[in-house]
Amino acid sequence: MAKIFLGFAFSFVILFLVNITFVVLSIYALIVGELQTLLRGLEAFELVYFSSSLKWILLADGCWILLALVFMIKRKRYKTDINLHYLRYEPINDPIIAVIIPTYNEELAVEKAVKDYIKQKNVKHVLVIDNHSTDRTVEIAKRCGATVITKESNKGYSHSLAVGLNEALKTNANVIVTTDADGTYDADDIAKMMQYLDNSDMVIGTRQIQVLTEKGNQNSMFLVWGNFFLAKLIQIKYFSLVHMGVVQLTDVGCAYRCIRRSALEKIIDYINDPSIENIIDSPYFLLNIFLIMLLIENNLKIVELPITFKKRIGISKSGVRSKTKAIKFGLHFMWLIISR
């Protein structure tokens, strides 16, 4: 499936560029190069209309659309097993929650984050995965009651998240929550996410609802639309004609998630597989997107839920406010989606 999707993606990009180029060159020829012909009437338009290049482009477009329709029809029954992909109500009657908080030099925010999550109902474990901070992050987190796992070196966010997921499975928690230490996520939203976990294996937050976001947060318009585009790319990759995809997503970059222990146990070996070290050790937060695809491919159900999103406390370490760096993140995300 990866090769087919990769072929569709590249052929779409090529056809899109060819079409745009032809339109631009045709307009240029009509306005500039064929000014005299324009004065004589419609001959310039006829020149474009009867162009052999146009006919080949239309033929290629038609073939691509036809193949896309065949793909859609073949996907009519994709992931529509009544026992795996439809409504299932399995309440977690006695939830024990472990919260994973990856950190790196978050001394300004970590106290509030740890205290807010510790006081939430059914939260029994708060695991701070420290990415070799050089400030007082570890000291403050321990003082506030968190269990701190300190890494010997800075190996990035994805590595910290992988460490946290493994550490959470060492506890007696049957629900694992992943979040950030920067104060952007509201600990109270756990209760809301837990309701939807009764019908799914993982609940993912979305920061795309304007009335639930604090003005001045770190999600610029560029990041909002970038996350939305990547989310729809995942939906297309796992397209199902019946419900327009086995998952509905708008925000792939949101790190606030809630997952059943049973679901995590099914995929943890994939996360620990040495063959995906390029994802785990990547500085581009690839594990968040990889987890979404991993759950879908293993017939685990995902629900996206609007969450509260606030301004961060302290300075962002990812640097995604820079458009150049945001584009690099986006390109790595996109390559992972279309090539897996």
C-alpha atoms as a PDB file:
ATOM      1  CA  MET A   1       0.000   0.000   0.000  1.00  0.00           C
ATOM      2  CA  ALA A   2       2.876   2.359   0.757  1.00  0.00           C
ATOM      3  CA  LYS A   3       4.210   2.106  -2.808  1.00  0.00           C
ATOM      4  CA  ILE A   4       0.752   2.751  -4.292  1.00  0.00           C
ATOM      5  CA  PHE A   5       0.189   5.778  -2.076  1.00  0.00           C
ATOM      6  CA  LEU A   6       3.692   7.051  -2.813  1.00  0.00           C
ATOM      7  CA  GLY A   7       3.000   6.709  -6.535  1.00  0.00           C
ATOM      8  CA  PHE A   8      -0.307   8.556  -6.235  1.00  0.00           C
ATOM      9  CA  ALA A   9       1.283  11.338  -4.212  1.00  0.00           C
ATOM     10  CA  PHE A  10       4.224  11.911  -6.558  1.00  0.00           C
ATOM     11  CA  SER A  11       2.115  11.668  -9.702  1.00  0.00           C
ATOM     12  CA  PHE A  12      -0.340  14.189  -8.241  1.00  0.00           C
ATOM     13  CA  VAL A  13       2.467  16.638  -7.452  1.00  0.00           C
ATOM     14  CA  ILE A  14       3.964  16.236 -10.938  1.00  0.00           C
ATOM     15  CA  LEU A  15       0.595  16.673 -12.677  1.00  0.00           C
ATOM     16  CA  PHE A  16      -0.234  19.663 -10.515  1.00  0.00           C
ATOM     17  CA  LEU A  17       3.051  21.366 -11.419  1.00  0.00           C
ATOM     18  CA  VAL A  18       2.627  20.524 -15.110  1.00  0.00           C
ATOM     19  CA  ASN A  19      -0.914  21.947 -15.150  1.00  0.00           C
ATOM     20  CA  ILE A  20       0.124  25.120 -13.337  1.00  0.00           C
ATOM     21  CA  THR A  21       3.123  25.581 -15.634  1.00  0.00           C
ATOM     22  CA  PHE A  22       0.969  25.146 -18.745  1.00  0.00           C
ATOM     23  CA  VAL A  23      -1.619  27.642 -17.500  1.00  0.00           C
ATOM     24  CA  VAL A  24       1.045  30.226 -16.619  1.00  0.00           C
ATOM     25  CA  LEU A  25       2.859  29.832 -19.967  1.00  0.00           C
ATOM     26  CA  SER A  26      -0.438  29.985 -21.879  1.00  0.00           C
ATOM     27  CA  ILE A  27      -1.477  33.174 -20.119  1.00  0.00           C
ATOM     28  CA  TYR A  28       1.956  34.644 -20.808  1.00  0.00           C
ATOM     29  CA  ALA A  29       1.693  33.701 -24.499  1.00  0.00           C
ATOM     30  CA  LEU A  30      -1.796  35.168 -24.773  1.00  0.00           C
ATOM     31  CA  ILE A  31      -0.992  38.431 -23.030  1.00  0.00           C
ATOM     32  CA  VAL A  32       2.583  39.087 -24.127  1.00  0.00           C
ATOM     33  CA  GLY A  33       3.773  36.840 -26.941  1.00  0.00           C
ATOM     34  CA  GLU A  34       0.546  36.784 -28.967  1.00  0.00           C
ATOM     35  CA  LEU A  35      -0.569  40.389 -28.611  1.00  0.00           C
ATOM     36  CA  GLN A  36      -0.869  40.818 -32.351  1.00  0.00           C
ATOM     37  CA  THR A  37      -2.846  37.617 -32.676  1.00  0.00           C
ATOM     38  CA  LEU A  38      -5.171  38.778 -29.930  1.00  0.00           C
ATOM     39  CA  LEU A  39      -5.898  41.931 -31.899  1.00  0.00           C
ATOM     40  CA  ARG A  40      -7.067  39.784 -34.823  1.00  0.00           C
ATOM     41  CA  GLY A  41      -9.668  37.941 -32.743  1.00  0.00           C
ATOM     42  CA  LEU A  42      -9.845  34.525 -31.049  1.00  0.00           C
ATOM     43  CA  GLU A  43      -6.924  32.914 -32.854  1.00  0.00           C
ATOM     44  CA  ALA A  44      -4.696  33.117 -29.776  1.00  0.00           C
ATOM     45  CA  PHE A  45      -7.226  31.203 -27.720  1.00  0.00           C
ATOM     46  CA  GLU A  46      -7.590  28.696 -30.516  1.00  0.00           C
ATOM     47  CA  LEU A  47      -3.797  28.287 -30.469  1.00  0.00           C
ATOM     48  CA  VAL A  48      -3.981  27.173 -26.853  1.00  0.00           C
ATOM     49  CA  TYR A  49      -7.143  25.139 -27.412  1.00  0.00           C
ATOM     50  CA  PHE A  50      -5.633  23.085 -30.228  1.00  0.00           C
ATOM     51  CA  SER A  51      -2.240  22.725 -28.531  1.00  0.00           C
ATOM     52  CA  SER A  52      -0.950  19.131 -28.551  1.00  0.00           C
ATOM     53  CA  SER A  53       0.571  19.781 -25.099  1.00  0.00           C
ATOM     54  CA  LEU A  54      -2.883  20.571 -23.723  1.00  0.00           C
ATOM     55  CA  LYS A  55      -4.265  17.321 -25.112  1.00  0.00           C
ATOM     56  CA  TRP A  56      -1.506  15.253 -23.497  1.00  0.00           C
ATOM     57  CA  ILE A  57      -1.981  17.045 -20.181  1.00  0.00           C
ATOM     58  CA  LEU A  58      -5.749  16.458 -20.265  1.00  0.00           C
ATOM     59  CA  LEU A  59      -5.148  12.813 -21.090  1.00  0.00           C
ATOM     60  CA  ALA A  60      -2.755  12.436 -18.145  1.00  0.00           C
ATOM     61  CA  ASP A  61      -5.224  14.230 -15.845  1.00  0.00           C
ATOM     62  CA  GLY A  62      -8.034  11.956 -17.004  1.00  0.00           C
ATOM     63  CA  CYS A  63      -5.964   8.824 -16.416  1.00  0.00           C
ATOM     64  CA  TRP A  64      -5.020   9.964 -12.918  1.00  0.00           C
ATOM     65  CA  ILE A  65      -8.653  10.729 -12.043  1.00  0.00           C
ATOM     66  CA  LEU A  66      -9.727   7.333 -13.410  1.00  0.00           C
ATOM     67  CA  LEU A  67      -7.103   5.525 -11.329  1.00  0.00           C
ATOM     68  CA  ALA A  68      -8.141   7.554  -8.274  1.00  0.00           C
ATOM     69  CA  LEU A  69     -11.762   6.474  -8.795  1.00  0.00           C
ATOM     70  CA  VAL A  70     -10.676   2.828  -9.086  1.00  0.00           C
ATOM     71  CA  PHE A  71      -8.674   3.249  -5.853  1.00  0.00           C
ATOM     72  CA  MET A  72     -11.723   4.712  -4.096  1.00  0.00           C
ATOM     73  CA  ILE A  73     -14.018   1.927  -5.254  1.00  0.00           C
ATOM     74  CA  LYS A  74     -11.519  -0.754  -4.194  1.00  0.00           C
ATOM     75  CA  ARG A  75     -11.391   0.918  -0.768  1.00  0.00           C
ATOM     76  CA  LYS A  76     -15.158   0.624  -0.264  1.00  0.00           C
ATOM     77  CA  ARG A  77     -14.728  -2.192   2.279  1.00  0.00           C
ATOM     78  CA  TYR A  78     -11.372  -1.052   3.671  1.00  0.00           C
ATOM     79  CA  LYS A  79     -11.299  -1.541   7.455  1.00  0.00           C
ATOM     80  CA  THR A  80     -15.042  -2.082   7.829  1.00  0.00           C
ATOM     81  CA  ASP A  81     -14.949  -5.204  10.001  1.00  0.00           C
ATOM     82  CA  ILE A  82     -17.936  -4.948  12.333  1.00  0.00           C
ATOM     83  CA  ASN A  83     -15.913  -6.360  15.251  1.00  0.00           C
ATOM     84  CA  LEU A  84     -12.894  -4.111  14.807  1.00  0.00           C
ATOM     85  CA  HIS A  85     -13.878  -0.795  13.245  1.00  0.00           C
ATOM     86  CA  TYR A  86     -17.338   0.126  14.504  1.00  0.00           C
ATOM     87  CA  LEU A  87     -18.992   1.120  17.756  1.00  0.00           C
ATOM     88  CA  ARG A  88     -17.762  -0.718  20.807  1.00  0.00           C
ATOM     89  CA  TYR A  89     -18.467   0.266  24.372  1.00  0.00           C
ATOM     90  CA  GLU A  90     -15.812  -0.911  26.788  1.00  0.00           C
ATOM     91  CA  PRO A  91     -15.774   1.374  29.831  1.00  0.00           C
ATOM     92  CA  ILE A  92     -12.711   1.484  32.056  1.00  0.00           C
ATOM     93  CA  ASN A  93     -14.460   1.100  35.382  1.00  0.00           C
ATOM     94  CA  ASP A  94     -11.448   1.597  37.645  1.00  0.00           C
ATOM     95  CA  PRO A  95      -9.081   3.871  35.734  1.00  0.00           C
ATOM     96  CA  ILE A  96      -5.515   4.237  36.939  1.00  0.00           C
ATOM     97  CA  ILE A  97      -3.843   6.983  34.945  1.00  0.00           C
ATOM     98  CA  ALA A  98      -0.153   7.551  34.274  1.00  0.00           C
ATOM     99  CA  VAL A  99       0.773  10.927  32.782  1.00  0.00           C
ATOM    100  CA  ILE A 100       3.936  11.229  30.685  1.00  0.00           C
ATOM    101  CA  ILE A 101       5.556  14.679  30.539  1.00  0.00           C
ATOM    102  CA  PRO A 102       8.676  14.979  28.342  1.00  0.00           C
ATOM    103  CA  THR A 103      10.739  17.976  29.469  1.00  0.00           C
ATOM    104  CA  TYR A 104      13.779  19.940  28.474  1.00  0.00           C
ATOM    105  CA  ASN A 105      14.729  23.083  30.408  1.00  0.00           C
ATOM    106  CA  GLU A 106      11.164  23.822  31.551  1.00  0.00           C
ATOM    107  CA  GLU A 107      11.883  25.198  35.034  1.00  0.00           C
ATOM    108  CA  LEU A 108       9.383  28.027  34.480  1.00  0.00           C
ATOM    109  CA  ALA A 109       6.490  25.713  33.612  1.00  0.00           C
ATOM    110  CA  VAL A 110       7.117  22.265  35.073  1.00  0.00           C
ATOM    111  CA  GLU A 111       5.845  23.032  38.592  1.00  0.00           C
ATOM    112  CA  LYS A 112       2.400  24.062  37.381  1.00  0.00           C
ATOM    113  CA  ALA A 113       2.222  21.154  34.937  1.00  0.00           C
ATOM    114  CA  VAL A 114       3.113  18.492  37.508  1.00  0.00           C
ATOM    115  CA  LYS A 115       0.811  19.882  40.193  1.00  0.00           C
ATOM    116  CA  ASP A 116      -2.110  20.263  37.770  1.00  0.00           C
ATOM    117  CA  TYR A 117      -1.883  16.652  36.610  1.00  0.00           C
ATOM    118  CA  ILE A 118      -1.242  15.153  40.049  1.00  0.00           C
ATOM    119  CA  LYS A 119      -4.481  16.627  41.380  1.00  0.00           C
ATOM    120  CA  GLN A 120      -6.618  15.135  38.579  1.00  0.00           C
ATOM    121  CA  LYS A 121      -8.994  12.335  39.488  1.00  0.00           C
ATOM    122  CA  ASN A 122      -7.538   8.825  38.994  1.00  0.00           C
ATOM    123  CA  VAL A 123      -4.035  10.114  38.161  1.00  0.00           C
ATOM    124  CA  LYS A 124      -1.688   7.893  40.186  1.00  0.00           C
ATOM    125  CA  HIS A 125       1.590   8.384  38.333  1.00  0.00           C
ATOM    126  CA  VAL A 126       3.179  11.500  36.842  1.00  0.00           C
ATOM    127  CA  LEU A 127       6.323  10.551  34.917  1.00  0.00           C
ATOM    128  CA  VAL A 128       8.618  13.390  33.942  1.00  0.00           C
ATOM    129  CA  ILE A 129      11.048  12.256  31.242  1.00  0.00           C
ATOM    130  CA  ASP A 130      13.853  14.770  31.437  1.00  0.00           C
ATOM    131  CA  ASN A 131      15.844  15.221  28.254  1.00  0.00           C
ATOM    132  CA  HIS A 132      19.084  16.100  30.063  1.00  0.00           C
ATOM    133  CA  SER A 133      17.963  19.560  31.237  1.00  0.00           C
ATOM    134  CA  THR A 134      20.617  22.001  32.353  1.00  0.00           C
ATOM    135  CA  ASP A 135      18.325  24.124  34.530  1.00  0.00           C
ATOM    136  CA  ARG A 136      16.253  23.295  37.672  1.00  0.00           C
ATOM    137  CA  THR A 137      13.598  21.231  35.849  1.00  0.00           C
ATOM    138  CA  VAL A 138      14.477  17.936  37.575  1.00  0.00           C
ATOM    139  CA  GLU A 139      14.732  19.476  41.034  1.00  0.00           C
ATOM    140  CA  ILE A 140      11.355  21.206  40.735  1.00  0.00           C
ATOM    141  CA  ALA A 141       9.585  18.162  39.246  1.00  0.00           C
ATOM    142  CA  LYS A 142      10.789  15.895  42.079  1.00  0.00           C
ATOM    143  CA  ARG A 143       9.785  18.450  44.695  1.00  0.00           C
ATOM    144  CA  CYS A 144       6.277  18.546  43.247  1.00  0.00           C
ATOM    145  CA  GLY A 145       5.843  14.785  43.509  1.00  0.00           C
ATOM    146  CA  ALA A 146       6.669  13.528  40.029  1.00  0.00           C
ATOM    147  CA  THR A 147       8.702  10.437  39.245  1.00  0.00           C
ATOM    148  CA  VAL A 148      11.624  11.717  37.182  1.00  0.00           C
ATOM    149  CA  ILE A 149      13.482   9.641  34.616  1.00  0.00           C
ATOM    150  CA  THR A 150      16.620  11.568  33.658  1.00  0.00           C
ATOM    151  CA  LYS A 151      18.280  10.749  30.360  1.00  0.00           C
ATOM    152  CA  GLU A 152      22.058  10.857  30.112  1.00  0.00           C
ATOM    153  CA  SER A 153      21.974  12.883  26.919  1.00  0.00           C
ATOM    154  CA  ASN A 154      19.569  14.981  24.871  1.00  0.00           C
ATOM    155  CA  LYS A 155      18.141  12.592  22.287  1.00  0.00           C
ATOM    156  CA  GLY A 156      15.083  14.628  21.406  1.00  0.00           C
ATOM    157  CA  TYR A 157      11.360  14.633  22.038  1.00  0.00           C
ATOM    158  CA  SER A 158      10.457  11.398  20.246  1.00  0.00           C
ATOM    159  CA  HIS A 159      13.065   9.470  22.227  1.00  0.00           C
ATOM    160  CA  SER A 160      11.693  10.929  25.480  1.00  0.00           C
ATOM    161  CA  LEU A 161       8.165   9.948  24.486  1.00  0.00           C
ATOM    162  CA  ALA A 162       9.274   6.394  23.689  1.00  0.00           C
ATOM    163  CA  VAL A 163      11.036   6.168  27.060  1.00  0.00           C
ATOM    164  CA  GLY A 164       7.907   7.474  28.777  1.00  0.00           C
ATOM    165  CA  LEU A 165       5.608   4.955  27.103  1.00  0.00           C
ATOM    166  CA  ASN A 166       7.871   2.105  28.200  1.00  0.00           C
ATOM    167  CA  GLU A 167       8.103   3.458  31.741  1.00  0.00           C
ATOM    168  CA  ALA A 168       4.312   3.821  31.951  1.00  0.00           C
ATOM    169  CA  LEU A 169       3.922   0.115  31.176  1.00  0.00           C
ATOM    170  CA  LYS A 170       6.076  -0.649  34.230  1.00  0.00           C
ATOM    171  CA  THR A 171       3.376   0.894  36.438  1.00  0.00           C
ATOM    172  CA  ASN A 172      -0.086  -0.491  37.181  1.00  0.00           C
ATOM    173  CA  ALA A 173      -1.737   2.182  35.025  1.00  0.00           C
ATOM    174  CA  ASN A 174      -4.454   1.068  32.591  1.00  0.00           C
ATOM    175  CA  VAL A 175      -4.634   4.498  30.924  1.00  0.00           C
ATOM    176  CA  ILE A 176      -1.619   6.465  29.691  1.00  0.00           C
ATOM    177  CA  VAL A 177      -1.763  10.187  28.969  1.00  0.00           C
ATOM    178  CA  THR A 178       0.914  12.045  27.017  1.00  0.00           C
ATOM    179  CA  THR A 179       1.212  15.800  27.340  1.00  0.00           C
ATOM    180  CA  ASP A 180       3.683  18.701  27.346  1.00  0.00           C
ATOM    181  CA  ALA A 181       5.340  20.552  30.206  1.00  0.00           C
ATOM    182  CA  ASP A 182       4.892  24.047  28.790  1.00  0.00           C
ATOM    183  CA  GLY A 183       1.441  24.809  30.197  1.00  0.00           C
ATOM    184  CA  THR A 184      -0.321  24.838  26.816  1.00  0.00           C
ATOM    185  CA  TYR A 185      -2.599  21.911  27.678  1.00  0.00           C
ATOM    186  CA  ASP A 186      -5.251  21.912  30.398  1.00  0.00           C
ATOM    187  CA  ALA A 187      -5.041  18.966  32.820  1.00  0.00           C
ATOM    188  CA  ASP A 188      -8.819  19.173  33.355  1.00  0.00           C
ATOM    189  CA  ASP A 189      -9.339  17.932  29.789  1.00  0.00           C
ATOM    190  CA  ILE A 190      -8.351  14.410  30.891  1.00  0.00           C
ATOM    191  CA  ALA A 191     -11.885  13.884  32.212  1.00  0.00           C
ATOM    192  CA  LYS A 192     -13.307  14.825  28.815  1.00  0.00           C
ATOM    193  CA  MET A 193     -10.902  12.523  26.969  1.00  0.00           C
ATOM    194  CA  MET A 194     -11.700   9.606  29.272  1.00  0.00           C
ATOM    195  CA  GLN A 195     -15.351   9.655  28.200  1.00  0.00           C
ATOM    196  CA  TYR A 196     -14.391   8.981  24.584  1.00  0.00           C
ATOM    197  CA  LEU A 197     -11.840   6.357  25.555  1.00  0.00           C
ATOM    198  CA  ASP A 198     -14.810   4.113  26.419  1.00  0.00           C
ATOM    199  CA  ASN A 199     -15.426   3.819  22.656  1.00  0.00           C
ATOM    200  CA  SER A 200     -11.866   3.926  21.350  1.00  0.00           C
ATOM    201  CA  ASP A 201      -8.270   2.913  21.932  1.00  0.00           C
ATOM    202  CA  MET A 202      -6.726   6.371  21.755  1.00  0.00           C
ATOM    203  CA  VAL A 203      -8.126   9.886  22.038  1.00  0.00           C
ATOM    204  CA  ILE A 204      -6.138  12.656  20.345  1.00  0.00           C
ATOM    205  CA  GLY A 205      -6.607  16.330  21.087  1.00  0.00           C
ATOM    206  CA  THR A 206      -7.099  18.948  18.405  1.00  0.00           C
ATOM    207  CA  ARG A 207      -6.099  22.594  18.866  1.00  0.00           C
ATOM    208  CA  GLN A 208      -8.026  23.797  15.819  1.00  0.00           C
ATOM    209  CA  ILE A 209     -11.140  25.101  17.596  1.00  0.00           C
ATOM    210  CA  GLN A 210     -10.713  28.867  17.907  1.00  0.00           C
ATOM    211  CA  VAL A 211     -13.051  29.368  20.878  1.00  0.00           C
ATOM    212  CA  LEU A 212     -11.018  26.835  22.877  1.00  0.00           C
ATOM    213  CA  THR A 213      -7.646  28.465  22.173  1.00  0.00           C
ATOM    214  CA  GLU A 214      -6.061  31.371  24.000  1.00  0.00           C
ATOM    215  CA  LYS A 215      -5.101  34.242  21.723  1.00  0.00           C
ATOM    216  CA  GLY A 216      -1.340  34.487  21.311  1.00  0.00           C
ATOM    217  CA  ASN A 217      -0.680  30.730  21.539  1.00  0.00           C
ATOM    218  CA  GLN A 218       2.241  29.262  19.614  1.00  0.00           C
ATOM    219  CA  ASN A 219       0.097  27.810  16.804  1.00  0.00           C
ATOM    220  CA  SER A 220       0.432  30.381  14.042  1.00  0.00           C
ATOM    221  CA  MET A 221      -1.837  30.356  10.983  1.00  0.00           C
ATOM    222  CA  PHE A 222       0.989  28.626   9.099  1.00  0.00           C
ATOM    223  CA  LEU A 223       1.151  25.795  11.665  1.00  0.00           C
ATOM    224  CA  VAL A 224      -2.636  25.467  11.874  1.00  0.00           C
ATOM    225  CA  TRP A 225      -2.994  24.932   8.133  1.00  0.00           C
ATOM    226  CA  GLY A 226       0.118  22.760   7.957  1.00  0.00           C
ATOM    227  CA  ASN A 227      -1.237  20.421  10.632  1.00  0.00           C
ATOM    228  CA  PHE A 228      -4.617  20.353   8.909  1.00  0.00           C
ATOM    229  CA  PHE A 229      -3.043  19.437   5.555  1.00  0.00           C
ATOM    230  CA  LEU A 230      -1.004  16.604   7.079  1.00  0.00           C
ATOM    231  CA  ALA A 231      -4.062  15.343   8.965  1.00  0.00           C
ATOM    232  CA  LYS A 232      -6.038  15.099   5.722  1.00  0.00           C
ATOM    233  CA  LEU A 233      -3.093  13.379   4.046  1.00  0.00           C
ATOM    234  CA  ILE A 234      -3.303  10.634   6.686  1.00  0.00           C
ATOM    235  CA  GLN A 235      -7.052  10.363   6.096  1.00  0.00           C
ATOM    236  CA  ILE A 236      -6.458   9.904   2.376  1.00  0.00           C
ATOM    237  CA  LYS A 237      -3.774   7.290   3.046  1.00  0.00           C
ATOM    238  CA  TYR A 238      -6.269   5.252   5.075  1.00  0.00           C
ATOM    239  CA  PHE A 239      -9.233   6.190   2.924  1.00  0.00           C
ATOM    240  CA  SER A 240     -12.460   4.242   3.181  1.00  0.00           C
ATOM    241  CA  LEU A 241     -15.285   5.082   0.796  1.00  0.00           C
ATOM    242  CA  VAL A 242     -17.945   4.298   3.394  1.00  0.00           C
ATOM    243  CA  HIS A 243     -16.940   6.916   5.950  1.00  0.00           C
ATOM    244  CA  MET A 244     -14.306   8.950   4.039  1.00  0.00           C
ATOM    245  CA  GLY A 245     -11.584   7.331   6.117  1.00  0.00           C
ATOM    246  CA  VAL A 246     -11.234   5.170   9.207  1.00  0.00           C
ATOM    247  CA  VAL A 247     -10.191   8.232  11.205  1.00  0.00           C
ATOM    248  CA  GLN A 248     -11.166  11.909  11.162  1.00  0.00           C
ATOM    249  CA  LEU A 249      -8.248  14.226  11.921  1.00  0.00           C
ATOM    250  CA  THR A 250      -7.520  17.951  11.841  1.00  0.00           C
ATOM    251  CA  ASP A 251      -4.365  18.283  13.967  1.00  0.00           C
ATOM    252  CA  VAL A 252      -1.538  15.734  13.824  1.00  0.00           C
ATOM    253  CA  GLY A 253       0.879  17.803  15.898  1.00  0.00           C
ATOM    254  CA  CYS A 254      -1.106  17.779  19.133  1.00  0.00           C
ATOM    255  CA  ALA A 255       0.841  15.879  21.808  1.00  0.00           C
ATOM    256  CA  TYR A 256      -2.071  15.688  24.259  1.00  0.00           C
ATOM    257  CA  ARG A 257      -3.346  12.127  23.988  1.00  0.00           C
ATOM    258  CA  CYS A 258      -4.963   9.402  26.024  1.00  0.00           C
ATOM    259  CA  ILE A 259      -4.395   5.702  25.233  1.00  0.00           C
ATOM    260  CA  ARG A 260      -5.541   2.432  26.739  1.00  0.00           C
ATOM    261  CA  ARG A 261      -2.826   0.245  28.232  1.00  0.00           C
ATOM    262  CA  SER A 262      -4.085  -2.719  26.189  1.00  0.00           C
ATOM    263  CA  ALA A 263      -3.637  -0.722  22.970  1.00  0.00           C
ATOM    264  CA  LEU A 264      -0.150   0.446  23.926  1.00  0.00           C
ATOM    265  CA  GLU A 265       0.875  -3.124  24.733  1.00  0.00           C
ATOM    266  CA  LYS A 266      -0.121  -4.145  21.191  1.00  0.00           C
ATOM    267  CA  ILE A 267       2.178  -1.598  19.556  1.00  0.00           C
ATOM    268  CA  ILE A 268       5.045  -1.168  22.014  1.00  0.00           C
ATOM    269  CA  ASP A 269       7.223  -3.735  20.204  1.00  0.00           C
ATOM    270  CA  TYR A 270       6.975  -1.619  17.036  1.00  0.00           C
ATOM    271  CA  ILE A 271       8.109   1.429  19.023  1.00  0.00           C
ATOM    272  CA  ASN A 272      11.073  -0.489  20.467  1.00  0.00           C
ATOM    273  CA  ASP A 273      12.063  -2.020  17.127  1.00  0.00           C
ATOM    274  CA  PRO A 274      15.619  -0.922  16.170  1.00  0.00           C
ATOM    275  CA  SER A 275      14.475  -0.536  12.551  1.00  0.00           C
ATOM    276  CA  ILE A 276      12.616   2.684  13.430  1.00  0.00           C
ATOM    277  CA  GLU A 277      15.540   4.385  15.151  1.00  0.00           C
ATOM    278  CA  ASN A 278      15.388   7.069  12.463  1.00  0.00           C
ATOM    279  CA  ILE A 279      11.935   7.980  13.802  1.00  0.00           C
ATOM    280  CA  ILE A 280      12.764   7.708  17.508  1.00  0.00           C
ATOM    281  CA  ASP A 281      16.023   9.673  17.214  1.00  0.00           C
ATOM    282  CA  SER A 282      14.666  12.256  14.781  1.00  0.00           C
ATOM    283  CA  PRO A 283      14.582  15.883  16.001  1.00  0.00           C
ATOM    284  CA  TYR A 284      11.287  16.384  14.113  1.00  0.00           C
ATOM    285  CA  PHE A 285       8.786  14.837  16.593  1.00  0.00           C
ATOM    286  CA  LEU A 286       8.012  12.029  14.127  1.00  0.00           C
ATOM    287  CA  LEU A 287       6.818   9.589  16.779  1.00  0.00           C
ATOM    288  CA  ASN A 288       3.542  11.491  17.248  1.00  0.00           C
ATOM    289  CA  ILE A 289       2.523  10.895  13.627  1.00  0.00           C
ATOM    290  CA  PHE A 290       3.991   7.386  13.594  1.00  0.00           C
ATOM    291  CA  LEU A 291       1.781   6.429  16.559  1.00  0.00           C
ATOM    292  CA  ILE A 292      -1.367   7.491  14.689  1.00  0.00           C
ATOM    293  CA  MET A 293      -0.468   5.332  11.688  1.00  0.00           C
ATOM    294  CA  LEU A 294       0.635   2.470  13.918  1.00  0.00           C
ATOM    295  CA  LEU A 295      -2.726   2.315  15.686  1.00  0.00           C
ATOM    296  CA  ILE A 296      -4.705   2.460  12.434  1.00  0.00           C
ATOM    297  CA  GLU A 297      -2.599  -0.280  10.844  1.00  0.00           C
ATOM    298  CA  ASN A 298      -3.158  -2.489  13.898  1.00  0.00           C
ATOM    299  CA  ASN A 299      -6.943  -2.027  13.774  1.00  0.00           C
ATOM    300  CA  LEU A 300      -7.038   0.180  16.859  1.00  0.00           C
ATOM    301  CA  LYS A 301      -9.576   2.981  16.968  1.00  0.00           C
ATOM    302  CA  ILE A 302      -8.790   6.689  17.248  1.00  0.00           C
ATOM    303  CA  VAL A 303     -11.085   9.574  18.125  1.00  0.00           C
ATOM    304  CA  GLU A 304     -10.064  13.231  17.841  1.00  0.00           C
ATOM    305  CA  LEU A 305     -11.442  15.606  20.467  1.00  0.00           C
ATOM    306  CA  PRO A 306     -11.291  19.418  20.809  1.00  0.00           C
ATOM    307  CA  ILE A 307      -9.092  20.439  23.733  1.00  0.00           C
ATOM    308  CA  THR A 308      -8.212  23.703  25.435  1.00  0.00           C
ATOM    309  CA  PHE A 309      -4.998  25.273  24.151  1.00  0.00           C
ATOM    310  CA  LYS A 310      -3.201  28.098  25.963  1.00  0.00           C
ATOM    311  CA  LYS A 311      -0.124  30.263  25.543  1.00  0.00           C
ATOM    312  CA  ARG A 312       3.044  28.441  26.492  1.00  0.00           C
ATOM    313  CA  ILE A 313       5.040  29.296  29.618  1.00  0.00           C
ATOM    314  CA  GLY A 314       8.689  29.977  28.825  1.00  0.00           C
ATOM    315  CA  ILE A 315      10.496  29.728  25.503  1.00  0.00           C
ATOM    316  CA  SER A 316       9.733  27.073  22.888  1.00  0.00           C
ATOM    317  CA  LYS A 317      12.613  24.647  22.276  1.00  0.00           C
ATOM    318  CA  SER A 318      11.339  23.284  18.961  1.00  0.00           C
ATOM    319  CA  GLY A 319      11.721  26.553  17.068  1.00  0.00           C
ATOM    320  CA  VAL A 320       8.655  25.876  14.909  1.00  0.00           C
ATOM    321  CA  ARG A 321       7.622  29.526  15.131  1.00  0.00           C
ATOM    322  CA  SER A 322      10.254  29.990  12.444  1.00  0.00           C
ATOM    323  CA  LYS A 323       8.640  29.298   9.061  1.00  0.00           C
ATOM    324  CA  THR A 324      11.864  27.755   7.750  1.00  0.00           C
ATOM    325  CA  LYS A 325      12.003  25.240  10.580  1.00  0.00           C
ATOM    326  CA  ALA A 326       8.250  24.633  10.399  1.00  0.00           C
ATOM    327  CA  ILE A 327       8.605  23.749   6.710  1.00  0.00           C
ATOM    328  CA  LYS A 328      11.396  21.280   7.571  1.00  0.00           C
ATOM    329  CA  PHE A 329       9.145  19.670  10.178  1.00  0.00           C
ATOM    330  CA  GLY A 330       6.282  19.506   7.692  1.00  0.00           C
ATOM    331  CA  LEU A 331       8.369  17.925   4.936  1.00  0.00           C
ATOM    332  CA  HIS A 332       9.658  15.221   7.303  1.00  0.00           C
ATOM    333  CA  PHE A 333       6.099  14.550   8.489  1.00  0.00           C
ATOM    334  CA  MET A 334       4.820  14.362   4.923  1.00  0.00           C
ATOM    335  CA  TRP A 335       7.581  11.986   3.819  1.00  0.00           C
ATOM    336  CA  LEU A 336       6.838   9.665   6.756  1.00  0.00           C
ATOM    337  CA  ILE A 337       3.127   9.623   5.866  1.00  0.00           C
ATOM    338  CA  ILE A 338       3.502   8.908   2.158  1.00  0.00           C
ATOM    339  CA  SER A 339       6.484   6.552   2.338  1.00  0.00           C
ATOM    340  CA  ARG A 340       5.445   4.218   5.189  1.00  0.00           C
END
